[in-house]
Amino acid sequence: MNSKDIRALSADEIKAKIADNREEMMKLRFQQVSGQLTDTSRLRILRREIARMETILGQQNKAAE
């Protein structure tokens, strides 16, 4: 999901997507510890998506003030 798509979402939708991504990341970390994770690049992608969403959410909050 690129920043253009994220900016089109509302703040509540962004927060929901952040929560979903964090949950998925937690599951992937458990898989990694147990040795079941095959696609380790997914962790990096999720971490960056979460950061991108939080940045855009912060920008939207600051612009609203």
N, C-alpha and C. Protein backbone atom coordinates (compact mmCIF):
# COMPACT_ATOMS: atom_id res chain seq x y z
N MET A 1 0.85 -1.16 0.00
CA MET A 1 0.00 0.00 0.00
C MET A 1 0.91 1.23 0.00
N ASN A 2 0.73 2.08 -0.99
CA ASN A 2 1.58 3.27 -1.06
C ASN A 2 0.93 4.44 -0.33
N SER A 3 1.69 5.52 -0.20
CA SER A 3 1.22 6.64 0.60
C SER A 3 -0.01 7.31 -0.01
N LYS A 4 -0.15 7.26 -1.32
CA LYS A 4 -1.32 7.86 -1.98
C LYS A 4 -2.60 7.13 -1.54
N ASP A 5 -2.52 5.82 -1.46
CA ASP A 5 -3.68 5.03 -1.03
C ASP A 5 -4.00 5.28 0.44
N ILE A 6 -2.96 5.42 1.25
CA ILE A 6 -3.16 5.65 2.68
C ILE A 6 -3.80 7.01 2.93
N ARG A 7 -3.35 8.01 2.20
CA ARG A 7 -3.90 9.36 2.37
C ARG A 7 -5.38 9.43 2.01
N ALA A 8 -5.86 8.52 1.17
CA ALA A 8 -7.27 8.50 0.77
C ALA A 8 -8.16 7.92 1.88
N LEU A 9 -7.56 7.27 2.88
CA LEU A 9 -8.33 6.65 3.95
C LEU A 9 -8.61 7.66 5.06
N SER A 10 -9.63 7.37 5.84
CA SER A 10 -9.92 8.20 7.01
C SER A 10 -9.00 7.80 8.15
N ALA A 11 -8.97 8.60 9.19
CA ALA A 11 -8.10 8.34 10.34
C ALA A 11 -8.46 7.02 11.02
N ASP A 12 -9.75 6.73 11.13
CA ASP A 12 -10.18 5.49 11.76
C ASP A 12 -9.77 4.27 10.94
N GLU A 13 -9.86 4.38 9.63
CA GLU A 13 -9.45 3.28 8.76
C GLU A 13 -7.95 3.05 8.85
N ILE A 14 -7.19 4.12 8.94
CA ILE A 14 -5.74 3.98 9.06
C ILE A 14 -5.39 3.30 10.38
N LYS A 15 -6.06 3.70 11.46
CA LYS A 15 -5.81 3.09 12.76
C LYS A 15 -6.15 1.60 12.74
N ALA A 16 -7.23 1.25 12.05
CA ALA A 16 -7.62 -0.17 11.95
C ALA A 16 -6.58 -0.96 11.17
N LYS A 17 -6.06 -0.39 10.10
CA LYS A 17 -5.04 -1.07 9.31
C LYS A 17 -3.74 -1.21 10.09
N ILE A 18 -3.40 -0.21 10.88
CA ILE A 18 -2.20 -0.30 11.72
C ILE A 18 -2.36 -1.46 12.71
N ALA A 19 -3.53 -1.56 13.33
CA ALA A 19 -3.77 -2.64 14.29
C ALA A 19 -3.69 -4.00 13.60
N ASP A 20 -4.25 -4.12 12.40
CA ASP A 20 -4.19 -5.38 11.65
C ASP A 20 -2.75 -5.75 11.31
N ASN A 21 -1.99 -4.76 10.86
CA ASN A 21 -0.60 -5.02 10.50
C ASN A 21 0.23 -5.41 11.72
N ARG A 22 -0.02 -4.77 12.85
CA ARG A 22 0.71 -5.12 14.07
C ARG A 22 0.39 -6.55 14.52
N GLU A 23 -0.87 -6.94 14.38
CA GLU A 23 -1.27 -8.29 14.74
C GLU A 23 -0.59 -9.31 13.81
N GLU A 24 -0.57 -9.01 12.52
CA GLU A 24 0.09 -9.90 11.57
C GLU A 24 1.59 -9.99 11.85
N MET A 25 2.19 -8.86 12.22
CA MET A 25 3.61 -8.84 12.52
C MET A 25 3.92 -9.68 13.76
N MET A 26 3.04 -9.63 14.75
CA MET A 26 3.23 -10.43 15.94
C MET A 26 3.18 -11.93 15.59
N LYS A 27 2.24 -12.31 14.76
CA LYS A 27 2.13 -13.71 14.34
C LYS A 27 3.37 -14.15 13.57
N LEU A 28 3.86 -13.27 12.72
CA LEU A 28 5.07 -13.59 11.96
C LEU A 28 6.29 -13.73 12.87
N ARG A 29 6.36 -12.90 13.90
CA ARG A 29 7.48 -13.01 14.85
C ARG A 29 7.44 -14.35 15.58
N PHE A 30 6.25 -14.80 15.96
CA PHE A 30 6.13 -16.10 16.61
C PHE A 30 6.56 -17.22 15.66
N GLN A 31 6.18 -17.09 14.39
CA GLN A 31 6.59 -18.09 13.40
C GLN A 31 8.10 -18.08 13.23
N GLN A 32 8.70 -16.89 13.26
CA GLN A 32 10.14 -16.79 13.09
C GLN A 32 10.88 -17.45 14.26
N VAL A 33 10.40 -17.23 15.47
CA VAL A 33 11.04 -17.81 16.65
C VAL A 33 10.93 -19.33 16.62
N SER A 34 9.79 -19.84 16.17
CA SER A 34 9.61 -21.29 16.15
C SER A 34 10.22 -21.94 14.92
N GLY A 35 10.75 -21.13 14.00
CA GLY A 35 11.40 -21.67 12.82
C GLY A 35 10.47 -22.01 11.67
N GLN A 36 9.25 -21.55 11.70
CA GLN A 36 8.28 -21.86 10.66
C GLN A 36 8.18 -20.78 9.59
N LEU A 37 8.79 -19.63 9.82
CA LEU A 37 8.67 -18.52 8.89
C LEU A 37 9.60 -18.73 7.70
N THR A 38 9.02 -18.68 6.50
CA THR A 38 9.83 -18.86 5.29
C THR A 38 10.10 -17.53 4.60
N ASP A 39 9.15 -16.61 4.63
CA ASP A 39 9.30 -15.32 3.96
C ASP A 39 9.64 -14.24 5.00
N THR A 40 10.92 -14.08 5.28
CA THR A 40 11.33 -13.13 6.31
C THR A 40 11.21 -11.69 5.85
N SER A 41 11.13 -11.46 4.55
CA SER A 41 11.02 -10.09 4.04
C SER A 41 9.67 -9.47 4.41
N ARG A 42 8.68 -10.28 4.70
CA ARG A 42 7.36 -9.77 5.06
C ARG A 42 7.41 -8.94 6.35
N LEU A 43 8.29 -9.31 7.29
CA LEU A 43 8.45 -8.54 8.53
C LEU A 43 8.91 -7.12 8.22
N ARG A 44 9.87 -7.00 7.34
CA ARG A 44 10.40 -5.69 6.96
C ARG A 44 9.34 -4.85 6.26
N ILE A 45 8.60 -5.47 5.38
CA ILE A 45 7.54 -4.77 4.64
C ILE A 45 6.47 -4.26 5.60
N LEU A 46 6.05 -5.10 6.53
CA LEU A 46 5.03 -4.69 7.51
C LEU A 46 5.52 -3.56 8.39
N ARG A 47 6.77 -3.64 8.85
CA ARG A 47 7.32 -2.59 9.71
C ARG A 47 7.31 -1.26 8.98
N ARG A 48 7.66 -1.26 7.72
CA ARG A 48 7.68 -0.02 6.94
C ARG A 48 6.27 0.50 6.66
N GLU A 49 5.33 -0.41 6.40
CA GLU A 49 3.94 0.02 6.18
C GLU A 49 3.37 0.67 7.44
N ILE A 50 3.65 0.08 8.59
CA ILE A 50 3.16 0.64 9.85
C ILE A 50 3.75 2.03 10.06
N ALA A 51 5.04 2.18 9.81
CA ALA A 51 5.68 3.48 9.98
C ALA A 51 5.09 4.51 9.01
N ARG A 52 4.84 4.09 7.78
CA ARG A 52 4.27 4.99 6.79
C ARG A 52 2.88 5.46 7.21
N MET A 53 2.07 4.52 7.72
CA MET A 53 0.71 4.87 8.15
C MET A 53 0.74 5.79 9.36
N GLU A 54 1.63 5.51 10.31
CA GLU A 54 1.71 6.37 11.49
C GLU A 54 2.18 7.77 11.13
N THR A 55 3.09 7.88 10.18
CA THR A 55 3.57 9.18 9.74
C THR A 55 2.45 9.98 9.10
N ILE A 56 1.70 9.36 8.22
CA ILE A 56 0.60 10.04 7.54
C ILE A 56 -0.49 10.42 8.54
N LEU A 57 -0.76 9.53 9.49
CA LEU A 57 -1.76 9.82 10.51
C LEU A 57 -1.32 11.02 11.35
N GLY A 58 -0.06 11.09 11.70
CA GLY A 58 0.46 12.24 12.43
C GLY A 58 0.38 13.53 11.64
N GLN A 59 0.65 13.44 10.35
CA GLN A 59 0.54 14.63 9.48
C GLN A 59 -0.89 15.11 9.40
N GLN A 60 -1.83 14.17 9.30
CA GLN A 60 -3.24 14.54 9.23
C GLN A 60 -3.70 15.18 10.53
N ASN A 61 -3.24 14.64 11.65
CA ASN A 61 -3.61 15.22 12.95
C ASN A 61 -3.04 16.62 13.11
N LYS A 62 -1.80 16.79 12.68
CA LYS A 62 -1.17 18.11 12.80
C LYS A 62 -1.86 19.13 11.88
N ALA A 63 -2.28 18.69 10.70
CA ALA A 63 -2.95 19.59 9.77
C ALA A 63 -4.34 19.98 10.28
N ALA A 64 -4.96 19.07 11.04
CA ALA A 64 -6.29 19.34 11.57
C ALA A 64 -6.25 20.36 12.70
N GLU A 65 -5.12 20.46 13.36
CA GLU A 65 -4.99 21.41 14.48
C GLU A 65 -4.79 22.77 13.97
